[in-house]
Structure formats: C-alpha cells, structure tokens
Amino acid sequence: MKVILANPRGFCAGVDRAIEIVEKALAKYGAPVFVRHEIVHNKFVVDDLKAKGAVFVDEISEIPDGGITVFSAHGVSEKVENSAKLRELPVIDATCPLVTKVHNEARRYEADGREIILIGHKGHPEVEGTSGRVQKVHLVETIADVENLQIADENNLAYVTQTTLSLDDTKFIIDGLKARFPNIEGPDTRDICYATQNRQNAVRELAGQVDVLLVIGAANSSNSNRLRDLGEELGVASYLIDGAAAIDKSWLSNKIVIGVTAGASAPEVLVQNVINRLREFGANEVQEFDGKRENIKFKLPEELKDEVA
C-alpha cells in the first residue's frame, strides 16, 4: 500500500501567524492569555495552547479586567472590538490579514452607499465578524439565495466573500450575482484566500492517482470539509478525520494508493501521526506530491515583533 501526500497541505500563513501570536504573547506577558473563540479550528492546536497557558473564552465578558486578550484568526465584529475597548483590555489582534482586507473592502463599499452581499456560511466565526463590520449584509450561501435576494437599489450593490471559500466555491454564485445585478461591484479574484484555492487544486491533482482520500481537519473547519467534499465530487472515497485514531481500517480494504491532505488549520504533526498509523496498516511507501510551493509569511503585530517564543 502506497501513501501520497498532497502539497500544499496544512497550516497557511494566517494560521501560522495566529498561533505564533498566542505563543509570543505567553512568552512576553506570561499565563494566562485570553483568546476569544478558538484561535483556529483545530482541537489539537487549541489543547496545545491551553497547556501552555492560553484560556479560550466565548465572550469578552469572561475576560477579567486587565487580561491580555487575543482575537482569533477569524476576526471579530466591531461590537466585540468596542466591548474590549470600553473595558480597556490590552488586545492583540490575530485576525488573518486576508480577513482584515475583506473587512476593509466591506466598509469601503458601504461608505460608497452600496448594499453588501456576503458570500459565506451562516454561523461561521469569520462571517459573523465580517457581518459585524457593516450596518447590514445579505448573506448568500447558495445560488438559490441569489434568486431570493430583496434589494433596495439594484444599481448600488457590492459583494465580498468568506476567505475560506475558493474561486471554485464562489464562481457560480458570483456569476449568478453578476447575471442578476450587472452593476454589482466586487473584489479582484486575487483577493480570494490563496491557501484555500491551493489546497483544493492539490486535491484535484491527487484525486486521479489515489483510491481513497484522508483529509485531516476538524469537523468545524470549513476548508477541511470542502476538501473532503471535493474528493467525493471527483469520485474518490474521502473521509474527514481529526487524527490517526479516527482512521477506520475497513476504508483501506483493497485500496492500493492512499491520498492524504490536511486543512489549513491542521498541524503537520497530525499528518505524521496518520502516516505512522497507515504504516501499521501495511503502507510501505510514502511519496510527497510535487505541488505549488507557498512562501507567504504575514507580519506580526508591532507589540510582539521582538519577542521570542
């Protein structure tokens, strides 16, 4: 049995930055450091940071006065940000710069008098954060939602997208919006998260060479679920797992080539654990797929740049 590892896979620059921010904050200020919501959608990462002294909370009200506060990579609404300011909490913003860019775009469109359409998944932390940066948004999840939109002025519209959706994920919805609202404005396609698109492209390339696909990622990770769905769409039996222990040996029965990838918030250590488990099940060869190389690194907040984790 042979294992082929997708490239790129796992951590993106935004996730790397967010985790590094928490670790550097702990190094600089000591424990505890309070993080609003999961810093990224991965239990292994969250548990590791908890062991180092991070405390994860759902609301700003749970943070004691003076507590070092970190906003997660998904970003927060203006209401949450203002709540922290009112309490004069020392905040370190770990919002992914690509998410911040979407926030700024939405505000710019609103300042121009345009109604905002947000393409994304209801309830996702990033969608809640972006929605809370403008007065009103119309959330669109499917092409059917486009047909049901009730718009005040069809000539004054703009759309933005959840960053963990790829060009492929949003294409039909954007095409539908442009067909119904020819004057709608939207960001350049280059603003779509590079990591989401690259990981999906890697699965597309891998799918024709494997008999089964294992996607390492959390059940609440949007991009990880999409990788699993994409494998299925390409005709490959695909499974989302949170780690090696979740592998069902029956999935591998009569399978010769096993594909492995990981969502953007899954650390490489989980990939290596999965490889070791597959070796126990009989895998005798591991091959790295030659995919797109990523060399993007986002800057740290000024207050942490000189700290050593």
C-alpha atoms as a PDB file:
ATOM      1  CA  MET A   1       0.000   0.000   0.000  1.00  0.00           C
ATOM      2  CA  LYS A   2       1.334   3.418  -1.014  1.00  0.00           C
ATOM      3  CA  VAL A   3       0.653   6.829   0.550  1.00  0.00           C
ATOM      4  CA  ILE A   4       0.791  10.068  -1.459  1.00  0.00           C
ATOM      5  CA  LEU A   5       0.857  13.347   0.487  1.00  0.00           C
ATOM      6  CA  ALA A   6      -0.784  16.383  -1.082  1.00  0.00           C
ATOM      7  CA  ASN A   7       1.170  19.615  -1.479  1.00  0.00           C
ATOM      8  CA  PRO A   8       0.442  22.180  -0.275  1.00  0.00           C
ATOM      9  CA  ARG A   9      -1.384  20.962   2.829  1.00  0.00           C
ATOM     10  CA  GLY A  10      -1.862  22.010   6.438  1.00  0.00           C
ATOM     11  CA  PHE A  11      -1.091  25.352   8.016  1.00  0.00           C
ATOM     12  CA  CYS A  12      -1.478  28.517   5.963  1.00  0.00           C
ATOM     13  CA  ALA A  13       0.285  31.797   6.728  1.00  0.00           C
ATOM     14  CA  GLY A  14      -2.710  33.196   8.615  1.00  0.00           C
ATOM     15  CA  VAL A  15      -2.883  30.179  10.918  1.00  0.00           C
ATOM     16  CA  ASP A  16       0.888  30.179  11.451  1.00  0.00           C
ATOM     17  CA  ARG A  17       0.709  33.841  12.420  1.00  0.00           C
ATOM     18  CA  ALA A  18      -2.233  33.397  14.796  1.00  0.00           C
ATOM     19  CA  ILE A  19      -0.600  30.538  16.706  1.00  0.00           C
ATOM     20  CA  GLU A  20       2.701  32.399  16.863  1.00  0.00           C
ATOM     21  CA  ILE A  21       0.903  35.441  18.280  1.00  0.00           C
ATOM     22  CA  VAL A  22      -0.533  33.425  21.177  1.00  0.00           C
ATOM     23  CA  GLU A  23       2.815  31.756  21.888  1.00  0.00           C
ATOM     24  CA  LYS A  24       4.709  35.057  21.806  1.00  0.00           C
ATOM     25  CA  ALA A  25       2.087  36.738  23.989  1.00  0.00           C
ATOM     26  CA  LEU A  26       2.542  33.957  26.554  1.00  0.00           C
ATOM     27  CA  ALA A  27       6.308  34.403  26.373  1.00  0.00           C
ATOM     28  CA  LYS A  28       6.071  38.174  26.831  1.00  0.00           C
ATOM     29  CA  TYR A  29       3.263  38.528  29.362  1.00  0.00           C
ATOM     30  CA  GLY A  30       3.093  35.088  30.964  1.00  0.00           C
ATOM     31  CA  ALA A  31      -0.023  32.997  31.532  1.00  0.00           C
ATOM     32  CA  PRO A  32      -2.890  33.383  31.292  1.00  0.00           C
ATOM     33  CA  VAL A  33      -3.524  34.903  27.876  1.00  0.00           C
ATOM     34  CA  PHE A  34      -7.213  35.028  26.954  1.00  0.00           C
ATOM     35  CA  VAL A  35      -8.269  34.098  23.419  1.00  0.00           C
ATOM     36  CA  ARG A  36     -11.765  34.872  22.158  1.00  0.00           C
ATOM     37  CA  HIS A  37     -13.024  31.733  20.417  1.00  0.00           C
ATOM     38  CA  GLU A  38     -10.739  29.011  19.089  1.00  0.00           C
ATOM     39  CA  ILE A  39      -7.616  30.682  17.706  1.00  0.00           C
ATOM     40  CA  VAL A  40      -8.044  28.329  14.720  1.00  0.00           C
ATOM     41  CA  HIS A  41     -10.414  25.428  14.141  1.00  0.00           C
ATOM     42  CA  ASN A  42      -8.314  22.555  15.413  1.00  0.00           C
ATOM     43  CA  LYS A  43      -8.632  20.807  18.792  1.00  0.00           C
ATOM     44  CA  PHE A  44      -5.004  19.648  18.818  1.00  0.00           C
ATOM     45  CA  VAL A  45      -3.774  23.221  18.384  1.00  0.00           C
ATOM     46  CA  VAL A  46      -6.217  24.589  20.974  1.00  0.00           C
ATOM     47  CA  ASP A  47      -5.323  21.925  23.544  1.00  0.00           C
ATOM     48  CA  ASP A  48      -1.610  22.539  22.997  1.00  0.00           C
ATOM     49  CA  LEU A  49      -2.032  26.266  23.612  1.00  0.00           C
ATOM     50  CA  LYS A  50      -4.228  25.573  26.664  1.00  0.00           C
ATOM     51  CA  ALA A  51      -1.396  23.502  28.125  1.00  0.00           C
ATOM     52  CA  LYS A  52       0.927  26.481  27.650  1.00  0.00           C
ATOM     53  CA  GLY A  53      -1.399  28.855  29.484  1.00  0.00           C
ATOM     54  CA  ALA A  54      -3.932  30.132  26.943  1.00  0.00           C
ATOM     55  CA  VAL A  55      -7.525  30.419  28.129  1.00  0.00           C
ATOM     56  CA  PHE A  56     -10.236  30.269  25.463  1.00  0.00           C
ATOM     57  CA  VAL A  57     -13.470  32.170  26.044  1.00  0.00           C
ATOM     58  CA  ASP A  58     -16.663  32.713  24.079  1.00  0.00           C
ATOM     59  CA  GLU A  59     -17.289  36.305  25.110  1.00  0.00           C
ATOM     60  CA  ILE A  60     -15.277  39.354  26.117  1.00  0.00           C
ATOM     61  CA  SER A  61     -17.278  39.477  29.384  1.00  0.00           C
ATOM     62  CA  GLU A  62     -15.494  36.297  30.506  1.00  0.00           C
ATOM     63  CA  ILE A  63     -12.102  38.022  30.477  1.00  0.00           C
ATOM     64  CA  PRO A  64     -11.007  39.596  33.785  1.00  0.00           C
ATOM     65  CA  ASP A  65     -10.031  43.260  33.943  1.00  0.00           C
ATOM     66  CA  GLY A  66      -6.559  43.789  32.520  1.00  0.00           C
ATOM     67  CA  GLY A  67      -6.414  40.329  30.929  1.00  0.00           C
ATOM     68  CA  ILE A  68      -4.248  40.065  27.824  1.00  0.00           C
ATOM     69  CA  THR A  69      -6.786  39.474  25.034  1.00  0.00           C
ATOM     70  CA  VAL A  70      -6.220  37.874  21.626  1.00  0.00           C
ATOM     71  CA  PHE A  71      -8.769  37.956  18.811  1.00  0.00           C
ATOM     72  CA  SER A  72      -8.795  34.740  16.761  1.00  0.00           C
ATOM     73  CA  ALA A  73      -7.670  34.371  13.146  1.00  0.00           C
ATOM     74  CA  HIS A  74     -11.314  34.515  12.008  1.00  0.00           C
ATOM     75  CA  GLY A  75     -11.704  38.152  13.049  1.00  0.00           C
ATOM     76  CA  VAL A  76     -14.364  39.800  15.200  1.00  0.00           C
ATOM     77  CA  SER A  77     -17.241  42.214  14.770  1.00  0.00           C
ATOM     78  CA  GLU A  78     -16.953  45.893  15.560  1.00  0.00           C
ATOM     79  CA  LYS A  79     -19.220  45.298  18.576  1.00  0.00           C
ATOM     80  CA  VAL A  80     -16.758  42.801  20.060  1.00  0.00           C
ATOM     81  CA  GLU A  81     -13.843  45.120  19.368  1.00  0.00           C
ATOM     82  CA  ASN A  82     -15.650  48.027  21.015  1.00  0.00           C
ATOM     83  CA  SER A  83     -16.524  45.896  24.044  1.00  0.00           C
ATOM     84  CA  ALA A  84     -12.834  45.239  24.580  1.00  0.00           C
ATOM     85  CA  LYS A  85     -12.016  48.948  24.123  1.00  0.00           C
ATOM     86  CA  LEU A  86     -14.663  50.025  26.643  1.00  0.00           C
ATOM     87  CA  ARG A  87     -13.063  47.774  29.229  1.00  0.00           C
ATOM     88  CA  GLU A  88      -9.597  48.965  28.186  1.00  0.00           C
ATOM     89  CA  LEU A  89      -8.436  45.383  27.712  1.00  0.00           C
ATOM     90  CA  PRO A  90      -4.962  45.036  26.191  1.00  0.00           C
ATOM     91  CA  VAL A  91      -5.830  43.479  22.826  1.00  0.00           C
ATOM     92  CA  ILE A  92      -3.547  41.686  20.379  1.00  0.00           C
ATOM     93  CA  ASP A  93      -5.298  41.135  17.057  1.00  0.00           C
ATOM     94  CA  ALA A  94      -4.546  37.757  15.425  1.00  0.00           C
ATOM     95  CA  THR A  95      -7.097  38.278  12.653  1.00  0.00           C
ATOM     96  CA  CYS A  96      -5.742  36.902   9.383  1.00  0.00           C
ATOM     97  CA  PRO A  97      -4.651  39.852   7.205  1.00  0.00           C
ATOM     98  CA  LEU A  98      -6.763  38.475   4.359  1.00  0.00           C
ATOM     99  CA  VAL A  99      -9.833  38.600   6.594  1.00  0.00           C
ATOM    100  CA  THR A 100      -8.959  42.161   7.617  1.00  0.00           C
ATOM    101  CA  LYS A 101      -8.781  43.017   3.925  1.00  0.00           C
ATOM    102  CA  VAL A 102     -12.347  41.746   3.459  1.00  0.00           C
ATOM    103  CA  HIS A 103     -13.494  43.852   6.436  1.00  0.00           C
ATOM    104  CA  ASN A 104     -11.935  46.936   4.876  1.00  0.00           C
ATOM    105  CA  GLU A 105     -13.485  46.212   1.490  1.00  0.00           C
ATOM    106  CA  ALA A 106     -16.953  45.811   3.013  1.00  0.00           C
ATOM    107  CA  ARG A 107     -16.639  49.111   4.870  1.00  0.00           C
ATOM    108  CA  ARG A 108     -15.379  50.866   1.750  1.00  0.00           C
ATOM    109  CA  TYR A 109     -18.316  49.616  -0.312  1.00  0.00           C
ATOM    110  CA  GLU A 110     -20.743  50.671   2.415  1.00  0.00           C
ATOM    111  CA  ALA A 111     -19.162  54.135   2.579  1.00  0.00           C
ATOM    112  CA  ASP A 112     -19.863  54.395  -1.162  1.00  0.00           C
ATOM    113  CA  GLY A 113     -23.552  53.821  -0.457  1.00  0.00           C
ATOM    114  CA  ARG A 114     -23.690  50.200  -1.616  1.00  0.00           C
ATOM    115  CA  GLU A 115     -25.644  47.350  -0.027  1.00  0.00           C
ATOM    116  CA  ILE A 116     -23.308  44.491   0.907  1.00  0.00           C
ATOM    117  CA  ILE A 117     -23.767  40.859  -0.107  1.00  0.00           C
ATOM    118  CA  LEU A 118     -21.577  38.411   1.807  1.00  0.00           C
ATOM    119  CA  ILE A 119     -20.919  35.005   0.256  1.00  0.00           C
ATOM    120  CA  GLY A 120     -20.268  32.579   3.097  1.00  0.00           C
ATOM    121  CA  HIS A 121     -21.556  30.030   5.590  1.00  0.00           C
ATOM    122  CA  LYS A 122     -24.086  31.113   8.201  1.00  0.00           C
ATOM    123  CA  GLY A 123     -22.722  30.838  11.736  1.00  0.00           C
ATOM    124  CA  HIS A 124     -19.058  30.709  10.729  1.00  0.00           C
ATOM    125  CA  PRO A 125     -16.981  32.988  13.015  1.00  0.00           C
ATOM    126  CA  GLU A 126     -15.483  34.810  10.042  1.00  0.00           C
ATOM    127  CA  VAL A 127     -18.916  35.510   8.577  1.00  0.00           C
ATOM    128  CA  GLU A 128     -20.133  36.826  11.936  1.00  0.00           C
ATOM    129  CA  GLY A 129     -17.072  39.068  12.192  1.00  0.00           C
ATOM    130  CA  THR A 130     -17.437  40.461   8.683  1.00  0.00           C
ATOM    131  CA  SER A 131     -21.196  40.959   9.093  1.00  0.00           C
ATOM    132  CA  GLY A 132     -20.486  42.944  12.228  1.00  0.00           C
ATOM    133  CA  ARG A 133     -18.221  45.381  10.402  1.00  0.00           C
ATOM    134  CA  VAL A 134     -21.028  46.999   8.407  1.00  0.00           C
ATOM    135  CA  GLN A 135     -24.576  48.141   9.146  1.00  0.00           C
ATOM    136  CA  LYS A 136     -26.317  45.481   7.072  1.00  0.00           C
ATOM    137  CA  VAL A 137     -25.374  42.489   4.931  1.00  0.00           C
ATOM    138  CA  HIS A 138     -27.276  39.991   2.814  1.00  0.00           C
ATOM    139  CA  LEU A 139     -25.780  36.530   3.436  1.00  0.00           C
ATOM    140  CA  VAL A 140     -25.706  34.262   0.397  1.00  0.00           C
ATOM    141  CA  GLU A 141     -24.797  30.578   0.712  1.00  0.00           C
ATOM    142  CA  THR A 142     -26.245  29.100  -2.492  1.00  0.00           C
ATOM    143  CA  ILE A 143     -27.257  30.128  -5.988  1.00  0.00           C
ATOM    144  CA  ALA A 144     -30.881  29.832  -4.823  1.00  0.00           C
ATOM    145  CA  ASP A 145     -30.214  32.567  -2.265  1.00  0.00           C
ATOM    146  CA  VAL A 146     -29.215  34.883  -5.118  1.00  0.00           C
ATOM    147  CA  GLU A 147     -32.641  34.495  -6.707  1.00  0.00           C
ATOM    148  CA  ASN A 148     -34.371  35.267  -3.398  1.00  0.00           C
ATOM    149  CA  LEU A 149     -32.458  38.458  -2.601  1.00  0.00           C
ATOM    150  CA  GLN A 150     -34.591  41.505  -1.852  1.00  0.00           C
ATOM    151  CA  ILE A 151     -32.519  44.563  -2.742  1.00  0.00           C
ATOM    152  CA  ALA A 152     -33.430  48.240  -2.284  1.00  0.00           C
ATOM    153  CA  ASP A 153     -31.306  49.527  -5.176  1.00  0.00           C
ATOM    154  CA  GLU A 154     -30.004  47.004  -7.689  1.00  0.00           C
ATOM    155  CA  ASN A 155     -27.554  49.553  -9.064  1.00  0.00           C
ATOM    156  CA  ASN A 156     -25.819  50.076  -5.730  1.00  0.00           C
ATOM    157  CA  LEU A 157     -24.572  46.635  -4.740  1.00  0.00           C
ATOM    158  CA  ALA A 158     -21.246  45.037  -3.839  1.00  0.00           C
ATOM    159  CA  TYR A 159     -20.195  41.579  -2.706  1.00  0.00           C
ATOM    160  CA  VAL A 160     -17.407  40.202  -0.536  1.00  0.00           C
ATOM    161  CA  THR A 161     -16.623  36.583   0.316  1.00  0.00           C
ATOM    162  CA  GLN A 162     -15.609  34.440   3.248  1.00  0.00           C
ATOM    163  CA  THR A 163     -11.871  33.885   2.772  1.00  0.00           C
ATOM    164  CA  THR A 164     -12.004  30.113   3.351  1.00  0.00           C
ATOM    165  CA  LEU A 165     -14.017  29.727   0.163  1.00  0.00           C
ATOM    166  CA  SER A 166     -12.066  29.225  -3.048  1.00  0.00           C
ATOM    167  CA  LEU A 167     -12.572  30.633  -6.523  1.00  0.00           C
ATOM    168  CA  ASP A 168     -14.202  27.330  -7.417  1.00  0.00           C
ATOM    169  CA  ASP A 169     -16.542  27.507  -4.407  1.00  0.00           C
ATOM    170  CA  THR A 170     -17.760  31.009  -5.229  1.00  0.00           C
ATOM    171  CA  LYS A 171     -17.716  31.031  -9.043  1.00  0.00           C
ATOM    172  CA  PHE A 172     -21.339  30.054  -9.687  1.00  0.00           C
ATOM    173  CA  ILE A 173     -22.679  32.358  -7.003  1.00  0.00           C
ATOM    174  CA  ILE A 174     -20.641  35.315  -8.274  1.00  0.00           C
ATOM    175  CA  ASP A 175     -21.722  34.549 -11.845  1.00  0.00           C
ATOM    176  CA  GLY A 176     -25.312  34.434 -10.628  1.00  0.00           C
ATOM    177  CA  LEU A 177     -24.962  37.775  -8.850  1.00  0.00           C
ATOM    178  CA  LYS A 178     -23.460  39.412 -11.941  1.00  0.00           C
ATOM    179  CA  ALA A 179     -26.194  37.986 -14.163  1.00  0.00           C
ATOM    180  CA  ARG A 180     -28.970  39.340 -11.942  1.00  0.00           C
ATOM    181  CA  PHE A 181     -27.207  42.577 -10.951  1.00  0.00           C
ATOM    182  CA  PRO A 182     -24.971  43.679 -13.865  1.00  0.00           C
ATOM    183  CA  ASN A 183     -23.716  46.756 -11.984  1.00  0.00           C
ATOM    184  CA  ILE A 184     -22.606  44.877  -8.872  1.00  0.00           C
ATOM    185  CA  GLU A 185     -19.056  45.504  -7.680  1.00  0.00           C
ATOM    186  CA  GLY A 186     -16.724  43.010  -6.044  1.00  0.00           C
ATOM    187  CA  PRO A 187     -13.095  42.446  -5.134  1.00  0.00           C
ATOM    188  CA  ASP A 188     -10.459  41.220  -7.556  1.00  0.00           C
ATOM    189  CA  THR A 189     -10.368  37.410  -7.685  1.00  0.00           C
ATOM    190  CA  ARG A 190      -6.782  37.615  -6.428  1.00  0.00           C
ATOM    191  CA  ASP A 191      -8.215  38.616  -3.061  1.00  0.00           C
ATOM    192  CA  ILE A 192      -9.603  35.110  -2.533  1.00  0.00           C
ATOM    193  CA  CYS A 193      -7.571  33.197   0.040  1.00  0.00           C
ATOM    194  CA  TYR A 194      -4.596  31.661  -1.746  1.00  0.00           C
ATOM    195  CA  ALA A 195      -4.355  28.776   0.755  1.00  0.00           C
ATOM    196  CA  THR A 196      -7.912  27.546   0.218  1.00  0.00           C
ATOM    197  CA  GLN A 197      -7.509  27.516  -3.560  1.00  0.00           C
ATOM    198  CA  ASN A 198      -4.061  25.887  -3.460  1.00  0.00           C
ATOM    199  CA  ARG A 199      -5.217  23.058  -1.185  1.00  0.00           C
ATOM    200  CA  GLN A 200      -8.213  22.367  -3.383  1.00  0.00           C
ATOM    201  CA  ASN A 201      -6.041  22.385  -6.501  1.00  0.00           C
ATOM    202  CA  ALA A 202      -3.737  19.857  -4.830  1.00  0.00           C
ATOM    203  CA  VAL A 203      -6.686  17.542  -4.142  1.00  0.00           C
ATOM    204  CA  ARG A 204      -7.784  17.847  -7.773  1.00  0.00           C
ATOM    205  CA  GLU A 205      -4.324  16.778  -8.932  1.00  0.00           C
ATOM    206  CA  LEU A 206      -4.129  13.986  -6.378  1.00  0.00           C
ATOM    207  CA  ALA A 207      -7.604  12.553  -6.989  1.00  0.00           C
ATOM    208  CA  GLY A 208      -6.714  10.838 -10.247  1.00  0.00           C
ATOM    209  CA  GLN A 209      -3.900   8.898  -8.600  1.00  0.00           C
ATOM    210  CA  VAL A 210      -5.453   7.586  -5.363  1.00  0.00           C
ATOM    211  CA  ASP A 211      -8.084   5.049  -4.349  1.00  0.00           C
ATOM    212  CA  VAL A 212      -9.105   6.785  -1.133  1.00  0.00           C
ATOM    213  CA  LEU A 213      -8.500  10.250   0.348  1.00  0.00           C
ATOM    214  CA  LEU A 214      -7.981  11.073   4.024  1.00  0.00           C
ATOM    215  CA  VAL A 215      -8.467  14.747   4.923  1.00  0.00           C
ATOM    216  CA  ILE A 216      -7.046  15.756   8.294  1.00  0.00           C
ATOM    217  CA  GLY A 217      -9.029  18.557   9.882  1.00  0.00           C
ATOM    218  CA  ALA A 218     -11.654  19.485  12.437  1.00  0.00           C
ATOM    219  CA  ALA A 219     -15.357  18.862  11.879  1.00  0.00           C
ATOM    220  CA  ASN A 220     -16.000  22.619  12.253  1.00  0.00           C
ATOM    221  CA  SER A 221     -13.283  23.583   9.768  1.00  0.00           C
ATOM    222  CA  SER A 222     -14.924  24.981   6.632  1.00  0.00           C
ATOM    223  CA  ASN A 223     -11.939  24.478   4.351  1.00  0.00           C
ATOM    224  CA  SER A 224     -11.290  20.926   5.622  1.00  0.00           C
ATOM    225  CA  ASN A 225     -14.876  19.883   4.968  1.00  0.00           C
ATOM    226  CA  ARG A 226     -14.641  21.334   1.476  1.00  0.00           C
ATOM    227  CA  LEU A 227     -11.517  19.262   0.747  1.00  0.00           C
ATOM    228  CA  ARG A 228     -13.404  16.110   1.726  1.00  0.00           C
ATOM    229  CA  ASP A 229     -16.411  17.139  -0.366  1.00  0.00           C
ATOM    230  CA  LEU A 230     -14.178  17.878  -3.341  1.00  0.00           C
ATOM    231  CA  GLY A 231     -12.600  14.428  -3.156  1.00  0.00           C
ATOM    232  CA  GLU A 232     -16.063  12.871  -3.217  1.00  0.00           C
ATOM    233  CA  GLU A 233     -17.084  15.046  -6.170  1.00  0.00           C
ATOM    234  CA  LEU A 234     -14.022  13.786  -8.032  1.00  0.00           C
ATOM    235  CA  GLY A 235     -15.092  10.181  -7.498  1.00  0.00           C
ATOM    236  CA  VAL A 236     -12.739   9.247  -4.664  1.00  0.00           C
ATOM    237  CA  ALA A 237     -13.944   7.787  -1.364  1.00  0.00           C
ATOM    238  CA  SER A 238     -12.991  10.611   1.016  1.00  0.00           C
ATOM    239  CA  TYR A 239     -13.014  10.864   4.808  1.00  0.00           C
ATOM    240  CA  LEU A 240     -12.541  13.787   7.200  1.00  0.00           C
ATOM    241  CA  ILE A 241     -10.538  12.737  10.263  1.00  0.00           C
ATOM    242  CA  ASP A 242      -9.265  14.703  13.246  1.00  0.00           C
ATOM    243  CA  GLY A 243      -6.268  12.419  13.691  1.00  0.00           C
ATOM    244  CA  ALA A 244      -4.772   8.953  13.277  1.00  0.00           C
ATOM    245  CA  ALA A 245      -7.108   7.306  15.790  1.00  0.00           C
ATOM    246  CA  ALA A 246     -10.117   8.155  13.598  1.00  0.00           C
ATOM    247  CA  ILE A 247      -8.960   6.002  10.672  1.00  0.00           C
ATOM    248  CA  ASP A 248     -11.223   3.009  10.061  1.00  0.00           C
ATOM    249  CA  LYS A 249      -9.135   0.150   8.683  1.00  0.00           C
ATOM    250  CA  SER A 250     -12.079  -1.009   6.558  1.00  0.00           C
ATOM    251  CA  TRP A 251     -11.724   2.190   4.475  1.00  0.00           C
ATOM    252  CA  LEU A 252      -8.399   0.839   3.221  1.00  0.00           C
ATOM    253  CA  SER A 253      -9.628  -2.622   2.262  1.00  0.00           C
ATOM    254  CA  ASN A 254      -8.462  -3.485  -1.276  1.00  0.00           C
ATOM    255  CA  LYS A 255      -7.026   0.017  -1.668  1.00  0.00           C
ATOM    256  CA  ILE A 256      -3.576   0.367  -3.227  1.00  0.00           C
ATOM    257  CA  VAL A 257      -2.900   4.115  -3.097  1.00  0.00           C
ATOM    258  CA  ILE A 258      -3.965   6.320  -0.171  1.00  0.00           C
ATOM    259  CA  GLY A 259      -4.050  10.106  -0.570  1.00  0.00           C
ATOM    260  CA  VAL A 260      -3.523  12.292   2.498  1.00  0.00           C
ATOM    261  CA  THR A 261      -4.060  16.024   2.858  1.00  0.00           C
ATOM    262  CA  ALA A 262      -4.761  18.442   5.687  1.00  0.00           C
ATOM    263  CA  GLY A 263      -6.896  21.538   6.107  1.00  0.00           C
ATOM    264  CA  ALA A 264      -5.326  24.941   6.658  1.00  0.00           C
ATOM    265  CA  SER A 265      -5.641  24.718  10.448  1.00  0.00           C
ATOM    266  CA  ALA A 266      -4.245  21.172  10.852  1.00  0.00           C
ATOM    267  CA  PRO A 267      -0.617  20.900  12.044  1.00  0.00           C
ATOM    268  CA  GLU A 268       1.948  18.706  10.299  1.00  0.00           C
ATOM    269  CA  VAL A 269       2.370  16.563  13.425  1.00  0.00           C
ATOM    270  CA  LEU A 270      -1.127  15.160  12.789  1.00  0.00           C
ATOM    271  CA  VAL A 271      -0.110  14.291   9.228  1.00  0.00           C
ATOM    272  CA  GLN A 272       2.928  12.396  10.504  1.00  0.00           C
ATOM    273  CA  ASN A 273       0.782  10.568  13.050  1.00  0.00           C
ATOM    274  CA  VAL A 274      -1.567   9.496  10.249  1.00  0.00           C
ATOM    275  CA  ILE A 275       1.384   8.247   8.177  1.00  0.00           C
ATOM    276  CA  ASN A 276       2.624   6.188  11.120  1.00  0.00           C
ATOM    277  CA  ARG A 277      -0.841   4.694  11.555  1.00  0.00           C
ATOM    278  CA  LEU A 278      -1.051   3.835   7.868  1.00  0.00           C
ATOM    279  CA  ARG A 279       2.316   2.109   8.129  1.00  0.00           C
ATOM    280  CA  GLU A 280       0.835  -0.032  10.902  1.00  0.00           C
ATOM    281  CA  PHE A 281      -1.942  -0.920   8.465  1.00  0.00           C
ATOM    282  CA  GLY A 282       0.558  -2.006   5.811  1.00  0.00           C
ATOM    283  CA  ALA A 283       1.695   1.107   3.961  1.00  0.00           C
ATOM    284  CA  ASN A 284       5.265   0.554   2.795  1.00  0.00           C
ATOM    285  CA  GLU A 285       5.861   3.658   0.672  1.00  0.00           C
ATOM    286  CA  VAL A 286       5.256   7.362   1.287  1.00  0.00           C
ATOM    287  CA  GLN A 287       5.548   9.857  -1.544  1.00  0.00           C
ATOM    288  CA  GLU A 288       5.336  13.676  -1.451  1.00  0.00           C
ATOM    289  CA  PHE A 289       3.253  15.043  -4.306  1.00  0.00           C
ATOM    290  CA  ASP A 290       5.086  17.826  -6.117  1.00  0.00           C
ATOM    291  CA  GLY A 291       2.671  20.727  -5.771  1.00  0.00           C
ATOM    292  CA  LYS A 292       2.687  24.513  -5.557  1.00  0.00           C
ATOM    293  CA  ARG A 293       5.157  25.941  -3.048  1.00  0.00           C
ATOM    294  CA  GLU A 294       3.910  28.578  -0.630  1.00  0.00           C
ATOM    295  CA  ASN A 295       6.321  31.150   0.805  1.00  0.00           C
ATOM    296  CA  ILE A 296       3.907  33.752   2.165  1.00  0.00           C
ATOM    297  CA  LYS A 297       4.512  34.977   5.707  1.00  0.00           C
ATOM    298  CA  PHE A 298       2.422  37.657   7.408  1.00  0.00           C
ATOM    299  CA  LYS A 299       3.939  40.213   9.764  1.00  0.00           C
ATOM    300  CA  LEU A 300       3.351  40.005  13.500  1.00  0.00           C
ATOM    301  CA  PRO A 301       1.700  42.836  15.454  1.00  0.00           C
ATOM    302  CA  GLU A 302       4.209  45.521  16.445  1.00  0.00           C
ATOM    303  CA  GLU A 303       3.992  44.714  20.174  1.00  0.00           C
ATOM    304  CA  LEU A 304       5.234  41.161  19.588  1.00  0.00           C
ATOM    305  CA  LYS A 305       7.807  41.511  16.838  1.00  0.00           C
ATOM    306  CA  ASP A 306      10.869  41.413  19.083  1.00  0.00           C
ATOM    307  CA  GLU A 307       9.650  38.655  21.382  1.00  0.00           C
ATOM    308  CA  VAL A 308      10.995  35.106  21.226  1.00  0.00           C
ATOM    309  CA  ALA A 309       8.539  32.269  21.681  1.00  0.00           C
END
